[in-house]
Amino acid sequence: MIYTDKVMENFNNPQNMGVVENANAAYTVGSPECGDIMEMTMRIENDVIEDIKFRTFGCAAAIASSSMATQMLKGKSVADALKMTNDDVIKALGGLPAQKIHCSVLAEEAIKGAIENYKKG
C-alpha cells in the first residue's frame, strides 16, 4: 500500500495528539471493519474551536486523518467544522488508498459527534 508524503508526515509526526484540557466537546467513534478507534476532544468558545486534539488507535491512515482534520479545524467556527467532509481531509492528505477511505470518514464522524454533544450542553 502506498501512502502520500502528506499521509506519512502526519502519521510519523502527528499534530494535536492527546486530550484537550477543559474540553467541552468530545466524541469517540470506532470502525468494526478494521478496529480503528478515534477520540476527538475540543474546547469551543463563542462558537469557535479554540483547541482540538485526538487520540487514535489504528492504522497510519486513521492517525494521519485525525491529525490533518484537527489541523484544518483549530481556530475555525463550529459552522465551518460542520461543513468539513471526509473528502476535504482526503484532499488535504493528497489522497488515500480506496480501502482506507473509511479512516477519513471516522474523522468526520468524530468531529460532528463532538460538536453535536457540545450543542446538547
N, C-alpha and C. Protein backbone atom coordinates (compact mmCIF):
# COMPACT_ATOMS: atom_id res chain seq x y z
N MET A 1 0.84 -1.18 0.00
CA MET A 1 0.00 0.00 0.00
C MET A 1 0.89 1.25 0.00
N ILE A 2 0.58 2.16 -0.88
CA ILE A 2 1.40 3.36 -0.99
C ILE A 2 0.63 4.56 -0.46
N TYR A 3 1.27 5.26 0.48
CA TYR A 3 0.68 6.47 1.05
C TYR A 3 1.42 7.69 0.50
N THR A 4 0.71 8.81 0.45
CA THR A 4 1.34 10.07 0.01
C THR A 4 2.32 10.55 1.08
N ASP A 5 3.19 11.46 0.69
CA ASP A 5 4.14 12.04 1.64
C ASP A 5 3.39 12.74 2.77
N LYS A 6 2.26 13.39 2.46
CA LYS A 6 1.48 14.11 3.47
C LYS A 6 0.90 13.14 4.49
N VAL A 7 0.43 11.98 4.04
CA VAL A 7 -0.08 10.97 4.96
C VAL A 7 1.06 10.51 5.87
N MET A 8 2.20 10.19 5.30
CA MET A 8 3.33 9.70 6.10
C MET A 8 3.83 10.76 7.08
N GLU A 9 3.83 12.02 6.65
CA GLU A 9 4.24 13.12 7.52
C GLU A 9 3.32 13.21 8.74
N ASN A 10 2.00 13.10 8.50
CA ASN A 10 1.03 13.19 9.60
C ASN A 10 0.99 11.92 10.45
N PHE A 11 1.39 10.81 9.88
CA PHE A 11 1.48 9.57 10.66
C PHE A 11 2.74 9.59 11.53
N ASN A 12 3.86 9.97 10.94
CA ASN A 12 5.14 9.96 11.68
C ASN A 12 5.27 11.11 12.66
N ASN A 13 4.59 12.22 12.41
CA ASN A 13 4.69 13.40 13.27
C ASN A 13 3.29 14.00 13.45
N PRO A 14 2.39 13.25 14.10
CA PRO A 14 1.01 13.73 14.22
C PRO A 14 0.92 15.02 15.05
N GLN A 15 0.03 15.90 14.61
CA GLN A 15 -0.21 17.17 15.30
C GLN A 15 -1.47 17.06 16.15
N ASN A 16 -1.48 17.77 17.26
CA ASN A 16 -2.68 17.86 18.13
C ASN A 16 -3.09 16.52 18.74
N MET A 17 -2.10 15.71 19.09
CA MET A 17 -2.40 14.42 19.71
C MET A 17 -2.57 14.62 21.21
N GLY A 18 -3.53 13.91 21.79
CA GLY A 18 -3.77 13.98 23.22
C GLY A 18 -5.21 14.32 23.53
N VAL A 19 -5.42 14.91 24.71
CA VAL A 19 -6.76 15.27 25.17
C VAL A 19 -6.76 16.74 25.55
N VAL A 20 -7.76 17.47 25.10
CA VAL A 20 -7.88 18.89 25.42
C VAL A 20 -8.23 19.06 26.89
N GLU A 21 -7.46 19.90 27.58
CA GLU A 21 -7.81 20.24 28.97
C GLU A 21 -9.04 21.12 28.94
N ASN A 22 -9.94 20.92 29.91
CA ASN A 22 -11.18 21.69 29.98
C ASN A 22 -12.01 21.56 28.71
N ALA A 23 -12.00 20.37 28.12
CA ALA A 23 -12.80 20.14 26.91
C ALA A 23 -14.29 20.28 27.23
N ASN A 24 -15.04 20.86 26.29
CA ASN A 24 -16.49 20.92 26.44
C ASN A 24 -17.18 20.23 25.27
N ALA A 25 -16.41 19.49 24.49
CA ALA A 25 -16.94 18.68 23.39
C ALA A 25 -16.05 17.46 23.24
N ALA A 26 -16.67 16.30 23.14
CA ALA A 26 -15.91 15.06 22.97
C ALA A 26 -16.77 14.01 22.29
N TYR A 27 -16.09 13.12 21.58
CA TYR A 27 -16.81 12.02 20.92
C TYR A 27 -15.79 10.94 20.57
N THR A 28 -16.21 9.71 20.71
CA THR A 28 -15.38 8.57 20.33
C THR A 28 -16.15 7.73 19.33
N VAL A 29 -15.47 7.33 18.28
CA VAL A 29 -16.09 6.52 17.24
C VAL A 29 -15.13 5.39 16.89
N GLY A 30 -15.69 4.26 16.49
CA GLY A 30 -14.86 3.12 16.11
C GLY A 30 -15.37 2.48 14.84
N SER A 31 -14.49 1.79 14.16
CA SER A 31 -14.85 1.09 12.93
C SER A 31 -14.65 -0.41 13.15
N PRO A 32 -15.75 -1.15 13.22
CA PRO A 32 -15.63 -2.60 13.43
C PRO A 32 -14.88 -3.30 12.30
N GLU A 33 -14.94 -2.75 11.07
CA GLU A 33 -14.32 -3.42 9.93
C GLU A 33 -12.81 -3.49 10.03
N CYS A 34 -12.20 -2.53 10.74
CA CYS A 34 -10.73 -2.55 10.80
C CYS A 34 -10.18 -2.38 12.22
N GLY A 35 -11.04 -2.08 13.17
CA GLY A 35 -10.59 -1.96 14.55
C GLY A 35 -10.07 -0.60 14.95
N ASP A 36 -10.17 0.40 14.06
CA ASP A 36 -9.72 1.75 14.40
C ASP A 36 -10.67 2.39 15.40
N ILE A 37 -10.11 3.09 16.39
CA ILE A 37 -10.90 3.83 17.36
C ILE A 37 -10.34 5.24 17.42
N MET A 38 -11.23 6.23 17.30
CA MET A 38 -10.81 7.62 17.25
C MET A 38 -11.60 8.43 18.28
N GLU A 39 -10.86 9.21 19.08
CA GLU A 39 -11.49 10.09 20.05
C GLU A 39 -11.08 11.53 19.73
N MET A 40 -12.07 12.42 19.65
CA MET A 40 -11.81 13.85 19.46
C MET A 40 -12.30 14.59 20.69
N THR A 41 -11.47 15.51 21.17
CA THR A 41 -11.89 16.40 22.25
C THR A 41 -11.64 17.83 21.79
N MET A 42 -12.54 18.73 22.19
CA MET A 42 -12.45 20.13 21.77
C MET A 42 -12.80 21.05 22.93
N ARG A 43 -12.27 22.26 22.83
CA ARG A 43 -12.74 23.35 23.68
C ARG A 43 -13.29 24.40 22.72
N ILE A 44 -14.59 24.60 22.82
CA ILE A 44 -15.28 25.55 21.94
C ILE A 44 -15.68 26.75 22.78
N GLU A 45 -15.32 27.94 22.29
CA GLU A 45 -15.69 29.18 22.96
C GLU A 45 -16.24 30.14 21.92
N ASN A 46 -17.41 30.71 22.20
CA ASN A 46 -18.06 31.64 21.26
C ASN A 46 -18.18 31.03 19.86
N ASP A 47 -18.55 29.75 19.82
CA ASP A 47 -18.72 29.01 18.57
C ASP A 47 -17.45 28.91 17.72
N VAL A 48 -16.29 29.01 18.36
CA VAL A 48 -15.01 28.83 17.67
C VAL A 48 -14.26 27.69 18.36
N ILE A 49 -13.68 26.81 17.56
CA ILE A 49 -12.90 25.69 18.10
C ILE A 49 -11.53 26.25 18.52
N GLU A 50 -11.40 26.54 19.81
CA GLU A 50 -10.17 27.13 20.35
C GLU A 50 -9.06 26.08 20.44
N ASP A 51 -9.44 24.85 20.76
CA ASP A 51 -8.45 23.77 20.84
C ASP A 51 -9.13 22.48 20.42
N ILE A 52 -8.39 21.61 19.77
CA ILE A 52 -8.90 20.31 19.32
C ILE A 52 -7.75 19.32 19.33
N LYS A 53 -8.01 18.15 19.90
CA LYS A 53 -6.98 17.10 19.94
C LYS A 53 -7.64 15.75 19.68
N PHE A 54 -6.80 14.78 19.39
CA PHE A 54 -7.30 13.44 19.11
C PHE A 54 -6.44 12.38 19.78
N ARG A 55 -7.05 11.24 20.00
CA ARG A 55 -6.34 10.02 20.35
C ARG A 55 -6.91 8.96 19.42
N THR A 56 -6.04 8.33 18.66
CA THR A 56 -6.48 7.33 17.70
C THR A 56 -5.68 6.06 17.86
N PHE A 57 -6.40 4.96 17.94
CA PHE A 57 -5.78 3.64 17.91
C PHE A 57 -6.11 3.08 16.54
N GLY A 58 -5.11 2.94 15.70
CA GLY A 58 -5.40 2.44 14.37
C GLY A 58 -4.21 2.52 13.44
N CYS A 59 -4.52 2.40 12.18
CA CYS A 59 -3.50 2.35 11.14
C CYS A 59 -2.97 3.74 10.80
N ALA A 60 -2.00 3.78 9.93
CA ALA A 60 -1.38 5.05 9.51
C ALA A 60 -2.41 6.01 8.95
N ALA A 61 -3.34 5.52 8.15
CA ALA A 61 -4.35 6.39 7.53
C ALA A 61 -5.29 6.99 8.58
N ALA A 62 -5.63 6.22 9.60
CA ALA A 62 -6.51 6.72 10.66
C ALA A 62 -5.81 7.81 11.47
N ILE A 63 -4.56 7.59 11.81
CA ILE A 63 -3.80 8.59 12.57
C ILE A 63 -3.57 9.84 11.73
N ALA A 64 -3.21 9.68 10.48
CA ALA A 64 -2.99 10.82 9.59
C ALA A 64 -4.28 11.61 9.38
N SER A 65 -5.40 10.91 9.22
CA SER A 65 -6.70 11.59 9.03
C SER A 65 -7.07 12.40 10.27
N SER A 66 -6.83 11.85 11.45
CA SER A 66 -7.12 12.55 12.69
C SER A 66 -6.25 13.80 12.81
N SER A 67 -4.97 13.64 12.55
CA SER A 67 -4.02 14.74 12.65
C SER A 67 -4.40 15.86 11.69
N MET A 68 -4.67 15.52 10.44
CA MET A 68 -4.99 16.52 9.43
C MET A 68 -6.30 17.23 9.77
N ALA A 69 -7.31 16.48 10.18
CA ALA A 69 -8.61 17.08 10.50
C ALA A 69 -8.48 18.11 11.62
N THR A 70 -7.69 17.78 12.65
CA THR A 70 -7.53 18.73 13.76
C THR A 70 -6.79 19.99 13.29
N GLN A 71 -5.82 19.83 12.43
CA GLN A 71 -5.10 20.99 11.90
C GLN A 71 -6.01 21.89 11.09
N MET A 72 -6.91 21.27 10.33
CA MET A 72 -7.82 22.03 9.48
C MET A 72 -8.85 22.82 10.29
N LEU A 73 -9.18 22.35 11.50
CA LEU A 73 -10.29 22.94 12.24
C LEU A 73 -9.91 23.84 13.40
N LYS A 74 -8.68 23.77 13.86
CA LYS A 74 -8.27 24.60 15.00
C LYS A 74 -8.44 26.07 14.63
N GLY A 75 -9.21 26.80 15.45
CA GLY A 75 -9.44 28.22 15.21
C GLY A 75 -10.62 28.51 14.29
N LYS A 76 -11.25 27.46 13.76
CA LYS A 76 -12.38 27.64 12.85
C LYS A 76 -13.69 27.68 13.63
N SER A 77 -14.72 28.19 12.98
CA SER A 77 -16.05 28.24 13.60
C SER A 77 -16.68 26.84 13.59
N VAL A 78 -17.63 26.67 14.50
CA VAL A 78 -18.38 25.41 14.54
C VAL A 78 -19.10 25.20 13.20
N ALA A 79 -19.65 26.28 12.63
CA ALA A 79 -20.35 26.18 11.34
C ALA A 79 -19.41 25.66 10.26
N ASP A 80 -18.18 26.19 10.22
CA ASP A 80 -17.20 25.71 9.23
C ASP A 80 -16.83 24.25 9.48
N ALA A 81 -16.69 23.88 10.74
CA ALA A 81 -16.35 22.50 11.09
C ALA A 81 -17.43 21.54 10.62
N LEU A 82 -18.68 21.94 10.75
CA LEU A 82 -19.78 21.07 10.34
C LEU A 82 -19.84 20.91 8.82
N LYS A 83 -19.26 21.84 8.08
CA LYS A 83 -19.23 21.76 6.61
C LYS A 83 -18.10 20.85 6.11
N MET A 84 -17.09 20.62 6.96
CA MET A 84 -15.96 19.80 6.54
C MET A 84 -16.40 18.35 6.33
N THR A 85 -15.94 17.77 5.24
CA THR A 85 -16.28 16.37 4.94
C THR A 85 -15.01 15.53 4.91
N ASN A 86 -15.20 14.24 4.86
CA ASN A 86 -14.05 13.35 4.75
C ASN A 86 -13.29 13.61 3.45
N ASP A 87 -13.99 14.04 2.41
CA ASP A 87 -13.31 14.36 1.15
C ASP A 87 -12.31 15.50 1.32
N ASP A 88 -12.66 16.47 2.18
CA ASP A 88 -11.74 17.58 2.46
C ASP A 88 -10.46 17.05 3.12
N VAL A 89 -10.62 16.10 4.02
CA VAL A 89 -9.47 15.51 4.71
C VAL A 89 -8.61 14.73 3.70
N ILE A 90 -9.26 13.96 2.84
CA ILE A 90 -8.54 13.17 1.82
C ILE A 90 -7.74 14.10 0.91
N LYS A 91 -8.38 15.18 0.46
CA LYS A 91 -7.68 16.14 -0.42
C LYS A 91 -6.48 16.75 0.29
N ALA A 92 -6.66 17.13 1.55
CA ALA A 92 -5.56 17.75 2.31
C ALA A 92 -4.39 16.77 2.49
N LEU A 93 -4.70 15.48 2.54
CA LEU A 93 -3.67 14.46 2.68
C LEU A 93 -3.07 14.05 1.33
N GLY A 94 -3.60 14.59 0.25
CA GLY A 94 -3.10 14.22 -1.07
C GLY A 94 -3.59 12.88 -1.54
N GLY A 95 -4.68 12.38 -0.90
CA GLY A 95 -5.29 11.12 -1.30
C GLY A 95 -5.07 10.01 -0.29
N LEU A 96 -5.98 9.06 -0.33
CA LEU A 96 -5.87 7.84 0.48
C LEU A 96 -6.22 6.65 -0.40
N PRO A 97 -5.61 5.50 -0.16
CA PRO A 97 -6.00 4.30 -0.91
C PRO A 97 -7.49 4.01 -0.67
N ALA A 98 -8.16 3.47 -1.66
CA ALA A 98 -9.61 3.21 -1.58
C ALA A 98 -10.00 2.45 -0.32
N GLN A 99 -9.18 1.47 0.06
CA GLN A 99 -9.52 0.65 1.23
C GLN A 99 -9.31 1.40 2.54
N LYS A 100 -8.79 2.64 2.48
CA LYS A 100 -8.54 3.43 3.70
C LYS A 100 -9.43 4.68 3.78
N ILE A 101 -10.35 4.84 2.84
CA ILE A 101 -11.26 5.99 2.84
C ILE A 101 -12.04 6.06 4.15
N HIS A 102 -12.42 4.90 4.69
CA HIS A 102 -13.22 4.88 5.92
C HIS A 102 -12.51 5.58 7.08
N CYS A 103 -11.18 5.66 7.03
CA CYS A 103 -10.44 6.35 8.10
C CYS A 103 -10.77 7.84 8.12
N SER A 104 -10.92 8.43 6.94
CA SER A 104 -11.28 9.85 6.87
C SER A 104 -12.73 10.04 7.28
N VAL A 105 -13.56 9.05 7.03
CA VAL A 105 -14.97 9.11 7.46
C VAL A 105 -15.04 9.11 8.98
N LEU A 106 -14.18 8.32 9.63
CA LEU A 106 -14.15 8.30 11.10
C LEU A 106 -13.83 9.69 11.65
N ALA A 107 -12.88 10.39 11.02
CA ALA A 107 -12.52 11.74 11.48
C ALA A 107 -13.72 12.67 11.37
N GLU A 108 -14.41 12.62 10.24
CA GLU A 108 -15.60 13.46 10.06
C GLU A 108 -16.66 13.12 11.11
N GLU A 109 -16.90 11.84 11.34
CA GLU A 109 -17.91 11.42 12.32
C GLU A 109 -17.53 11.85 13.73
N ALA A 110 -16.26 11.75 14.08
CA ALA A 110 -15.80 12.13 15.43
C ALA A 110 -15.99 13.63 15.66
N ILE A 111 -15.67 14.42 14.66
CA ILE A 111 -15.81 15.87 14.76
C ILE A 111 -17.28 16.26 14.89
N LYS A 112 -18.10 15.72 14.01
CA LYS A 112 -19.53 16.07 14.04
C LYS A 112 -20.19 15.56 15.31
N GLY A 113 -19.77 14.40 15.80
CA GLY A 113 -20.31 13.86 17.05
C GLY A 113 -19.94 14.73 18.24
N ALA A 114 -18.68 15.21 18.26
CA ALA A 114 -18.24 16.08 19.36
C ALA A 114 -19.02 17.38 19.37
N ILE A 115 -19.23 17.96 18.20
CA ILE A 115 -19.98 19.22 18.10
C ILE A 115 -21.44 19.00 18.51
N GLU A 116 -22.01 17.89 18.10
CA GLU A 116 -23.38 17.56 18.48
C GLU A 116 -23.49 17.46 20.01
N ASN A 117 -22.52 16.80 20.64
CA ASN A 117 -22.51 16.69 22.10
C ASN A 117 -22.35 18.07 22.75
N TYR A 118 -21.54 18.93 22.15
CA TYR A 118 -21.35 20.29 22.66
C TYR A 118 -22.68 21.04 22.62
N LYS A 119 -23.39 20.93 21.52
CA LYS A 119 -24.66 21.66 21.36
C LYS A 119 -25.73 21.17 22.34
N LYS A 120 -25.64 19.90 22.73
CA LYS A 120 -26.59 19.34 23.70
C LYS A 120 -26.34 19.92 25.09
N GLY A 121 -25.12 20.44 25.28
CA GLY A 121 -24.79 21.04 26.56
C GLY A 121 -24.28 20.03 27.50
